[in-house]
Amino acid sequence: MATVVGTDYTSDAGHRVVSWTPMTQADTGKAISMSDTPVKTVQVFGTFGAAGAITMEGSNDVGQSAGSWFTLKDWQDADIVLTTSKLVAIRENPLYVRPRGSAGTGVTLSVVIVGAKGSR
């Protein structure tokens, strides 16, 4: 299990973009603080292999201790566990966010979060 460090930059439009790639079923993305951008969407794409999944997690624990991570929700109150390529709006705005490979074999995925300032 590897920790994948995200690439963090600002787009030409002024949006914050964080990309973790490549991620496998055994990887966890290094947590990043994005609470300054309360409007966030996540996109996952690549090779899902056999039953691959990425779970989006959040935590308000400054120490980021084990057991302090929770599955983030979309606006329909569903857990964000992505098993196909898609784009999903994230409802919560925790201090830290990260992707975690949570299932599958032969998984090679990219996870990209775009955050914007402003109200939801």
Protein backbone atom coordinates (compact mmCIF):
# COMPACT_ATOMS: atom_id res chain seq x y z
CA MET A 1 0.00 0.00 0.00
CA ALA A 2 1.47 3.29 -1.14
CA THR A 3 0.61 6.85 -0.23
CA VAL A 4 0.12 8.82 -3.45
CA VAL A 5 1.05 12.49 -3.17
CA GLY A 6 -1.34 14.80 -4.99
CA THR A 7 -0.36 17.55 -7.40
CA ASP A 8 -1.91 20.81 -6.21
CA TYR A 9 -2.25 23.82 -8.52
CA THR A 10 -4.53 26.70 -9.49
CA SER A 11 -6.26 26.58 -12.87
CA ASP A 12 -6.36 29.51 -15.30
CA ALA A 13 -9.92 30.16 -14.08
CA GLY A 14 -8.69 30.45 -10.48
CA HIS A 15 -10.02 27.08 -9.29
CA ARG A 16 -7.96 24.87 -7.03
CA VAL A 17 -7.14 21.50 -8.62
CA VAL A 18 -5.63 18.46 -6.87
CA SER A 19 -4.77 15.32 -8.82
CA TRP A 20 -3.64 11.96 -7.42
CA THR A 21 -2.29 9.61 -10.09
CA PRO A 22 -1.78 6.76 -10.56
CA MET A 23 -3.78 5.12 -7.80
CA THR A 24 -4.27 1.38 -7.36
CA GLN A 25 -6.71 -0.58 -5.24
CA ALA A 26 -4.14 -0.65 -2.42
CA ASP A 27 -3.23 3.06 -2.43
CA THR A 28 -4.32 5.97 -0.28
CA GLY A 29 -3.98 9.55 -1.46
CA LYS A 30 -2.01 11.87 0.82
CA ALA A 31 -4.58 14.06 2.56
CA ILE A 32 -4.84 17.68 1.53
CA SER A 33 -6.62 20.59 3.16
CA MET A 34 -9.25 22.05 0.83
CA SER A 35 -11.62 23.64 3.34
CA ASP A 36 -10.89 27.02 1.74
CA THR A 37 -12.84 25.85 -1.33
CA PRO A 38 -16.26 24.72 -0.08
CA VAL A 39 -17.58 23.90 -3.57
CA LYS A 40 -15.86 20.69 -4.70
CA THR A 41 -16.30 18.04 -7.37
CA VAL A 42 -14.34 14.82 -7.78
CA GLN A 43 -13.70 12.96 -11.02
CA VAL A 44 -12.26 9.47 -11.28
CA PHE A 45 -11.11 7.90 -14.53
CA GLY A 46 -8.77 5.22 -15.83
CA THR A 47 -8.69 1.44 -15.55
CA PHE A 48 -11.01 0.08 -12.88
CA GLY A 49 -9.84 -3.50 -13.51
CA ALA A 50 -11.90 -6.19 -11.78
CA ALA A 51 -14.35 -4.48 -9.38
CA GLY A 52 -12.12 -1.44 -8.72
CA ALA A 53 -13.35 1.34 -6.45
CA ILE A 54 -12.17 4.65 -5.03
CA THR A 55 -13.70 5.89 -1.78
CA MET A 56 -13.53 9.62 -1.04
CA GLU A 57 -12.82 10.34 2.62
CA GLY A 58 -12.75 13.39 4.86
CA SER A 59 -11.54 14.27 8.35
CA ASN A 60 -11.43 17.27 10.67
CA ASP A 61 -8.69 15.66 12.80
CA VAL A 62 -5.58 17.84 12.56
CA GLY A 63 -3.47 14.80 13.52
CA GLN A 64 -5.13 12.70 10.77
CA SER A 65 -5.09 9.66 13.06
CA ALA A 66 -6.35 6.26 12.01
CA GLY A 67 -10.06 5.92 12.62
CA SER A 68 -10.72 9.63 12.06
CA TRP A 69 -11.59 9.24 8.36
CA PHE A 70 -15.17 9.05 7.13
CA THR A 71 -16.68 8.43 3.72
CA LEU A 72 -17.80 11.67 2.10
CA LYS A 73 -21.35 12.06 0.74
CA ASP A 74 -22.79 13.46 -2.46
CA TRP A 75 -25.81 15.79 -2.57
CA GLN A 76 -28.19 12.78 -2.64
CA ASP A 77 -26.70 11.61 0.71
CA ALA A 78 -25.00 8.63 -0.94
CA ASP A 79 -21.47 7.55 0.02
CA ILE A 80 -18.92 8.59 -2.61
CA VAL A 81 -17.56 5.19 -3.62
CA LEU A 82 -16.73 5.42 -7.32
CA THR A 83 -16.76 2.20 -9.34
CA THR A 84 -16.96 3.78 -12.80
CA SER A 85 -15.61 6.93 -14.42
CA LYS A 86 -17.76 9.82 -13.29
CA LEU A 87 -17.93 13.33 -11.88
CA VAL A 88 -19.58 13.83 -8.47
CA ALA A 89 -20.23 16.90 -6.31
CA ILE A 90 -18.99 16.57 -2.72
CA ARG A 91 -21.49 17.76 -0.09
CA GLU A 92 -19.28 18.08 3.02
CA ASN A 93 -16.42 20.50 3.53
CA PRO A 94 -14.02 18.83 6.01
CA LEU A 95 -10.57 20.16 6.86
CA TYR A 96 -8.88 17.28 4.98
CA VAL A 97 -9.88 15.15 1.98
CA ARG A 98 -8.27 12.13 0.37
CA PRO A 99 -9.05 9.29 -2.05
CA ARG A 100 -8.56 5.67 -0.97
CA GLY A 101 -8.42 2.61 -3.18
CA SER A 102 -11.02 0.37 -1.63
CA ALA A 103 -11.56 -2.62 -3.91
CA GLY A 104 -10.54 -4.46 -7.03
CA THR A 105 -7.54 -5.87 -8.84
CA GLY A 106 -5.66 -4.40 -11.80
CA VAL A 107 -6.73 -0.86 -10.87
CA THR A 108 -4.89 2.19 -12.28
CA LEU A 109 -6.91 5.36 -11.73
CA SER A 110 -6.60 9.13 -11.65
CA VAL A 111 -8.55 11.10 -9.07
CA VAL A 112 -9.03 14.84 -9.57
CA ILE A 113 -10.78 17.27 -7.22
CA VAL A 114 -11.64 20.78 -8.35
CA GLY A 115 -12.51 23.30 -5.65
CA ALA A 116 -14.00 26.76 -5.94
CA LYS A 117 -14.50 29.51 -3.40
CA GLY A 118 -17.95 30.86 -2.84
CA SER A 119 -21.26 29.58 -1.58
CA ARG A 120 -23.00 26.37 -2.46
